[in-house]
PDB file of N, CA and C in Angstrom:
ATOM      1  N   MET A   1      31.849   4.220  -6.062  1.00  0.00           N
ATOM      2  CA  MET A   1      31.124   3.009  -5.714  1.00  0.00           C
ATOM      3  C   MET A   1      30.488   3.128  -4.324  1.00  0.00           C
ATOM      4  N   ARG A   2      31.180   3.760  -3.402  1.00  0.00           N
ATOM      5  CA  ARG A   2      30.640   3.913  -2.053  1.00  0.00           C
ATOM      6  C   ARG A   2      29.413   4.818  -2.044  1.00  0.00           C
ATOM      7  N   VAL A   3      29.429   5.825  -2.908  1.00  0.00           N
ATOM      8  CA  VAL A   3      28.286   6.735  -2.982  1.00  0.00           C
ATOM      9  C   VAL A   3      27.060   5.988  -3.486  1.00  0.00           C
ATOM     10  N   ALA A   4      27.233   5.146  -4.510  1.00  0.00           N
ATOM     11  CA  ALA A   4      26.115   4.373  -5.054  1.00  0.00           C
ATOM     12  C   ALA A   4      25.576   3.395  -4.017  1.00  0.00           C
ATOM     13  N   THR A   5      26.473   2.753  -3.288  1.00  0.00           N
ATOM     14  CA  THR A   5      26.050   1.815  -2.243  1.00  0.00           C
ATOM     15  C   THR A   5      25.307   2.547  -1.134  1.00  0.00           C
ATOM     16  N   GLY A   6      25.847   3.661  -0.704  1.00  0.00           N
ATOM     17  CA  GLY A   6      25.187   4.440   0.344  1.00  0.00           C
ATOM     18  C   GLY A   6      23.828   4.949  -0.092  1.00  0.00           C
ATOM     19  N   LEU A   7      23.743   5.405  -1.338  1.00  0.00           N
ATOM     20  CA  LEU A   7      22.465   5.888  -1.856  1.00  0.00           C
ATOM     21  C   LEU A   7      21.453   4.752  -1.967  1.00  0.00           C
ATOM     22  N   SER A   8      21.913   3.573  -2.385  1.00  0.00           N
ATOM     23  CA  SER A   8      21.029   2.411  -2.473  1.00  0.00           C
ATOM     24  C   SER A   8      20.491   2.021  -1.101  1.00  0.00           C
ATOM     25  N   VAL A   9      21.360   2.013  -0.115  1.00  0.00           N
ATOM     26  CA  VAL A   9      20.938   1.683   1.252  1.00  0.00           C
ATOM     27  C   VAL A   9      19.944   2.721   1.760  1.00  0.00           C
ATOM     28  N   LEU A  10      20.201   3.978   1.468  1.00  0.00           N
ATOM     29  CA  LEU A  10      19.299   5.045   1.893  1.00  0.00           C
ATOM     30  C   LEU A  10      17.925   4.903   1.241  1.00  0.00           C
ATOM     31  N   VAL A  11      17.892   4.626  -0.052  1.00  0.00           N
ATOM     32  CA  VAL A  11      16.616   4.478  -0.765  1.00  0.00           C
ATOM     33  C   VAL A  11      15.857   3.261  -0.254  1.00  0.00           C
ATOM     34  N   LEU A  12      16.544   2.139  -0.078  1.00  0.00           N
ATOM     35  CA  LEU A  12      15.880   0.938   0.436  1.00  0.00           C
ATOM     36  C   LEU A  12      15.374   1.148   1.864  1.00  0.00           C
ATOM     37  N   GLY A  13      16.155   1.820   2.688  1.00  0.00           N
ATOM     38  CA  GLY A  13      15.717   2.108   4.055  1.00  0.00           C
ATOM     39  C   GLY A  13      14.499   3.011   4.087  1.00  0.00           C
ATOM     40  N   ALA A  14      14.502   4.053   3.256  1.00  0.00           N
ATOM     41  CA  ALA A  14      13.347   4.960   3.198  1.00  0.00           C
ATOM     42  C   ALA A  14      12.113   4.226   2.694  1.00  0.00           C
ATOM     43  N   GLY A  15      12.308   3.336   1.715  1.00  0.00           N
ATOM     44  CA  GLY A  15      11.178   2.548   1.213  1.00  0.00           C
ATOM     45  C   GLY A  15      10.615   1.621   2.278  1.00  0.00           C
ATOM     46  N   GLY A  16      11.497   0.996   3.047  1.00  0.00           N
ATOM     47  CA  GLY A  16      11.048   0.112   4.126  1.00  0.00           C
ATOM     48  C   GLY A  16      10.299   0.863   5.212  1.00  0.00           C
ATOM     49  N   ILE A  17      10.809   2.025   5.579  1.00  0.00           N
ATOM     50  CA  ILE A  17      10.129   2.844   6.590  1.00  0.00           C
ATOM     51  C   ILE A  17       8.780   3.321   6.064  1.00  0.00           C
ATOM     52  N   GLY A  18       8.734   3.734   4.804  1.00  0.00           N
ATOM     53  CA  GLY A  18       7.466   4.165   4.207  1.00  0.00           C
ATOM     54  C   GLY A  18       6.448   3.044   4.170  1.00  0.00           C
ATOM     55  N   HIS A  19       6.894   1.840   3.807  1.00  0.00           N
ATOM     56  CA  HIS A  19       5.986   0.684   3.778  1.00  0.00           C
ATOM     57  C   HIS A  19       5.457   0.373   5.175  1.00  0.00           C
ATOM     58  N   ALA A  20       6.326   0.396   6.167  1.00  0.00           N
ATOM     59  CA  ALA A  20       5.895   0.126   7.541  1.00  0.00           C
ATOM     60  C   ALA A  20       4.897   1.173   8.019  1.00  0.00           C
ATOM     61  N   LEU A  21       5.130   2.428   7.676  1.00  0.00           N
ATOM     62  CA  LEU A  21       4.226   3.498   8.086  1.00  0.00           C
ATOM     63  C   LEU A  21       2.849   3.338   7.452  1.00  0.00           C
ATOM     64  N   VAL A  22       2.817   3.083   6.148  1.00  0.00           N
ATOM     65  CA  VAL A  22       1.535   2.927   5.455  1.00  0.00           C
ATOM     66  C   VAL A  22       0.804   1.682   5.950  1.00  0.00           C
ATOM     67  N   SER A  23       1.521   0.592   6.170  1.00  0.00           N
ATOM     68  CA  SER A  23       0.890  -0.629   6.682  1.00  0.00           C
ATOM     69  C   SER A  23       0.290  -0.400   8.060  1.00  0.00           C
ATOM     70  N   ASN A  24       0.987   0.349   8.900  1.00  0.00           N
ATOM     71  CA  ASN A  24       0.481   0.645  10.239  1.00  0.00           C
ATOM     72  C   ASN A  24      -0.766   1.519  10.166  1.00  0.00           C
ATOM     73  N   LEU A  25      -0.747   2.521   9.306  1.00  0.00           N
ATOM     74  CA  LEU A  25      -1.916   3.397   9.172  1.00  0.00           C
ATOM     75  C   LEU A  25      -3.112   2.639   8.619  1.00  0.00           C
ATOM     76  N   GLU A  26      -2.882   1.778   7.628  1.00  0.00           N
ATOM     77  CA  GLU A  26      -3.978   1.017   7.038  1.00  0.00           C
ATOM     78  C   GLU A  26      -4.570   0.028   8.039  1.00  0.00           C
ATOM     79  N   GLY A  27      -3.734  -0.531   8.893  1.00  0.00           N
ATOM     80  CA  GLY A  27      -4.209  -1.482   9.891  1.00  0.00           C
ATOM     81  C   GLY A  27      -5.106  -0.837  10.934  1.00  0.00           C
ATOM     82  N   GLY A  28      -5.002   0.467  11.119  1.00  0.00           N
ATOM     83  CA  GLY A  28      -5.814   1.161  12.110  1.00  0.00           C
ATOM     84  C   GLY A  28      -7.175   1.603  11.601  1.00  0.00           C
ATOM     85  N   ILE A  29      -7.460   1.352  10.322  1.00  0.00           N
ATOM     86  CA  ILE A  29      -8.748   1.756   9.753  1.00  0.00           C
ATOM     87  C   ILE A  29      -9.774   0.672  10.033  1.00  0.00           C
ATOM     88  N   GLY A  30     -10.898   1.041  10.645  1.00  0.00           N
ATOM     89  CA  GLY A  30     -11.961   0.088  10.922  1.00  0.00           C
ATOM     90  C   GLY A  30     -12.724  -0.271   9.651  1.00  0.00           C
ATOM     91  N   ARG A  31     -13.069  -1.531   9.502  1.00  0.00           N
ATOM     92  CA  ARG A  31     -13.795  -2.002   8.330  1.00  0.00           C
ATOM     93  C   ARG A  31     -15.252  -2.247   8.706  1.00  0.00           C
ATOM     94  N   VAL A  32     -16.162  -1.868   7.805  1.00  0.00           N
ATOM     95  CA  VAL A  32     -17.594  -2.055   8.019  1.00  0.00           C
ATOM     96  C   VAL A  32     -18.169  -2.704   6.770  1.00  0.00           C
ATOM     97  N   ASP A  33     -18.961  -3.758   6.933  1.00  0.00           N
ATOM     98  CA  ASP A  33     -19.650  -4.384   5.809  1.00  0.00           C
ATOM     99  C   ASP A  33     -21.055  -3.791   5.731  1.00  0.00           C
ATOM    100  N   PRO A  34     -21.301  -2.861   4.814  1.00  0.00           N
ATOM    101  CA  PRO A  34     -22.605  -2.196   4.769  1.00  0.00           C
ATOM    102  C   PRO A  34     -23.720  -3.104   4.275  1.00  0.00           C
ATOM    103  N   PHE A  35     -23.394  -4.237   3.674  1.00  0.00           N
ATOM    104  CA  PHE A  35     -24.411  -5.124   3.116  1.00  0.00           C
ATOM    105  C   PHE A  35     -24.623  -6.371   3.964  1.00  0.00           C
ATOM    106  N   ARG A  36     -24.117  -6.388   5.179  1.00  0.00           N
ATOM    107  CA  ARG A  36     -24.183  -7.573   6.029  1.00  0.00           C
ATOM    108  C   ARG A  36     -25.615  -8.010   6.309  1.00  0.00           C
ATOM    109  N   ASP A  37     -26.522  -7.083   6.557  1.00  0.00           N
ATOM    110  CA  ASP A  37     -27.888  -7.434   6.941  1.00  0.00           C
ATOM    111  C   ASP A  37     -28.848  -7.525   5.762  1.00  0.00           C
ATOM    112  N   MET A  38     -28.363  -7.402   4.542  1.00  0.00           N
ATOM    113  CA  MET A  38     -29.241  -7.502   3.371  1.00  0.00           C
ATOM    114  C   MET A  38     -29.594  -8.964   3.120  1.00  0.00           C
ATOM    115  N   LYS A  39     -30.892  -9.244   2.991  1.00  0.00           N
ATOM    116  CA  LYS A  39     -31.343 -10.618   2.767  1.00  0.00           C
ATOM    117  C   LYS A  39     -31.431 -10.957   1.281  1.00  0.00           C
ATOM    118  N   ASN A  40     -31.633  -9.952   0.420  1.00  0.00           N
ATOM    119  CA  ASN A  40     -31.831 -10.221  -1.007  1.00  0.00           C
ATOM    120  C   ASN A  40     -30.569  -9.978  -1.828  1.00  0.00           C
ATOM    121  N   ARG A  41     -29.432 -10.041  -1.207  1.00  0.00           N
ATOM    122  CA  ARG A  41     -28.163  -9.809  -1.908  1.00  0.00           C
ATOM    123  C   ARG A  41     -27.823 -11.043  -2.752  1.00  0.00           C
ATOM    124  N   PRO A  42     -27.353 -10.847  -3.992  1.00  0.00           N
ATOM    125  CA  PRO A  42     -26.982 -11.990  -4.834  1.00  0.00           C
ATOM    126  C   PRO A  42     -25.809 -12.768  -4.240  1.00  0.00           C
ATOM    127  N   GLN A  43     -25.704 -14.031  -4.611  1.00  0.00           N
ATOM    128  CA  GLN A  43     -24.592 -14.858  -4.150  1.00  0.00           C
ATOM    129  C   GLN A  43     -23.285 -14.311  -4.703  1.00  0.00           C
ATOM    130  N   SER A  44     -22.238 -14.440  -3.922  1.00  0.00           N
ATOM    131  CA  SER A  44     -20.944 -13.959  -4.401  1.00  0.00           C
ATOM    132  C   SER A  44     -20.415 -14.902  -5.473  1.00  0.00           C
ATOM    133  N   GLY A  45     -19.701 -14.347  -6.388  1.00  0.00           N
ATOM    134  CA  GLY A  45     -19.129 -15.130  -7.487  1.00  0.00           C
ATOM    135  C   GLY A  45     -17.921 -14.409  -8.034  1.00  0.00           C
ATOM    136  N   HIS A  46     -17.581 -14.734  -9.256  1.00  0.00           N
ATOM    137  CA  HIS A  46     -16.441 -14.092  -9.906  1.00  0.00           C
ATOM    138  C   HIS A  46     -16.839 -12.698 -10.352  1.00  0.00           C
ATOM    139  N   GLY A  47     -16.086 -11.717  -9.961  1.00  0.00           N
ATOM    140  CA  GLY A  47     -16.359 -10.336 -10.331  1.00  0.00           C
ATOM    141  C   GLY A  47     -15.804 -10.012 -11.709  1.00  0.00           C
ATOM    142  N   THR A  48     -16.212  -8.876 -12.206  1.00  0.00           N
ATOM    143  CA  THR A  48     -15.725  -8.396 -13.492  1.00  0.00           C
ATOM    144  C   THR A  48     -15.226  -6.976 -13.308  1.00  0.00           C
ATOM    145  N   ASN A  49     -14.022  -6.727 -13.758  1.00  0.00           N
ATOM    146  CA  ASN A  49     -13.455  -5.385 -13.719  1.00  0.00           C
ATOM    147  C   ASN A  49     -13.513  -4.794 -15.111  1.00  0.00           C
ATOM    148  N   LEU A  50     -13.976  -3.563 -15.205  1.00  0.00           N
ATOM    149  CA  LEU A  50     -14.040  -2.859 -16.479  1.00  0.00           C
ATOM    150  C   LEU A  50     -13.206  -1.599 -16.381  1.00  0.00           C
ATOM    151  N   LEU A  51     -12.394  -1.356 -17.389  1.00  0.00           N
ATOM    152  CA  LEU A  51     -11.602  -0.139 -17.460  1.00  0.00           C
ATOM    153  C   LEU A  51     -12.142   0.678 -18.614  1.00  0.00           C
ATOM    154  N   LEU A  52     -12.723   1.832 -18.302  1.00  0.00           N
ATOM    155  CA  LEU A  52     -13.265   2.717 -19.323  1.00  0.00           C
ATOM    156  C   LEU A  52     -12.289   3.860 -19.534  1.00  0.00           C
ATOM    157  N   VAL A  53     -11.922   4.064 -20.780  1.00  0.00           N
ATOM    158  CA  VAL A  53     -10.967   5.113 -21.120  1.00  0.00           C
ATOM    159  C   VAL A  53     -11.604   6.007 -22.160  1.00  0.00           C
ATOM    160  N   GLY A  54     -11.513   7.292 -21.967  1.00  0.00           N
ATOM    161  CA  GLY A  54     -12.067   8.217 -22.947  1.00  0.00           C
ATOM    162  C   GLY A  54     -11.946   9.641 -22.456  1.00  0.00           C
ATOM    163  N   THR A  55     -12.550  10.534 -23.219  1.00  0.00           N
ATOM    164  CA  THR A  55     -12.558  11.936 -22.835  1.00  0.00           C
ATOM    165  C   THR A  55     -13.990  12.424 -22.777  1.00  0.00           C
ATOM    166  N   ASP A  56     -14.210  13.468 -22.032  1.00  0.00           N
ATOM    167  CA  ASP A  56     -15.528  14.067 -21.899  1.00  0.00           C
ATOM    168  C   ASP A  56     -15.487  15.406 -22.612  1.00  0.00           C
ATOM    169  N   GLY A  57     -16.124  15.476 -23.781  1.00  0.00           N
ATOM    170  CA  GLY A  57     -16.094  16.704 -24.558  1.00  0.00           C
ATOM    171  C   GLY A  57     -17.471  17.306 -24.714  1.00  0.00           C
ATOM    172  N   ARG A  58     -18.152  17.553 -23.620  1.00  0.00           N
ATOM    173  CA  ARG A  58     -19.501  18.111 -23.691  1.00  0.00           C
ATOM    174  C   ARG A  58     -19.519  19.591 -24.039  1.00  0.00           C
ATOM    175  N   ASP A  59     -18.381  20.219 -24.070  1.00  0.00           N
ATOM    176  CA  ASP A  59     -18.347  21.651 -24.361  1.00  0.00           C
ATOM    177  C   ASP A  59     -18.601  21.948 -25.838  1.00  0.00           C
ATOM    178  N   THR A  60     -18.572  20.935 -26.704  1.00  0.00           N
ATOM    179  CA  THR A  60     -18.777  21.172 -28.137  1.00  0.00           C
ATOM    180  C   THR A  60     -20.124  20.677 -28.642  1.00  0.00           C
ATOM    181  N   ILE A  61     -20.998  20.158 -27.759  1.00  0.00           N
ATOM    182  CA  ILE A  61     -22.292  19.662 -28.223  1.00  0.00           C
ATOM    183  C   ILE A  61     -23.340  20.763 -28.125  1.00  0.00           C
ATOM    184  N   THR A  62     -24.409  20.585 -28.906  1.00  0.00           N
ATOM    185  CA  THR A  62     -25.498  21.561 -28.875  1.00  0.00           C
ATOM    186  C   THR A  62     -26.504  21.171 -27.809  1.00  0.00           C
ATOM    187  N   LYS A  63     -27.447  22.038 -27.494  1.00  0.00           N
ATOM    188  CA  LYS A  63     -28.467  21.741 -26.483  1.00  0.00           C
ATOM    189  C   LYS A  63     -29.363  20.596 -26.929  1.00  0.00           C
ATOM    190  N   ALA A  64     -29.587  20.437 -28.256  1.00  0.00           N
ATOM    191  CA  ALA A  64     -30.427  19.358 -28.771  1.00  0.00           C
ATOM    192  C   ALA A  64     -29.777  17.992 -28.562  1.00  0.00           C
ATOM    193  N   GLU A  65     -28.473  17.949 -28.579  1.00  0.00           N
ATOM    194  CA  GLU A  65     -27.774  16.678 -28.401  1.00  0.00           C
ATOM    195  C   GLU A  65     -27.782  16.275 -26.940  1.00  0.00           C
TER     196      GLU A  65
END
C-alpha cells in the first residue's frame, strides 16, 4: 500500500511540475494579430470545425486521373 501511495504522489507531483513548466513556457510566447489592420475582414461569428479523415492513395492512380 505504501508503494502505491508513494507512486501516486510521485506521478501527481511530476504532472503538477510538468503543467507549471508548460504554462510558464506558453505564457512567454508573444501573440500577434496578423489581421488587425484589415478593413475588409468579415464580422466575427460562430466558427465551424471540420474533421476530415481519410487516406491519400495517389500511388495507385494513372496520369490521366
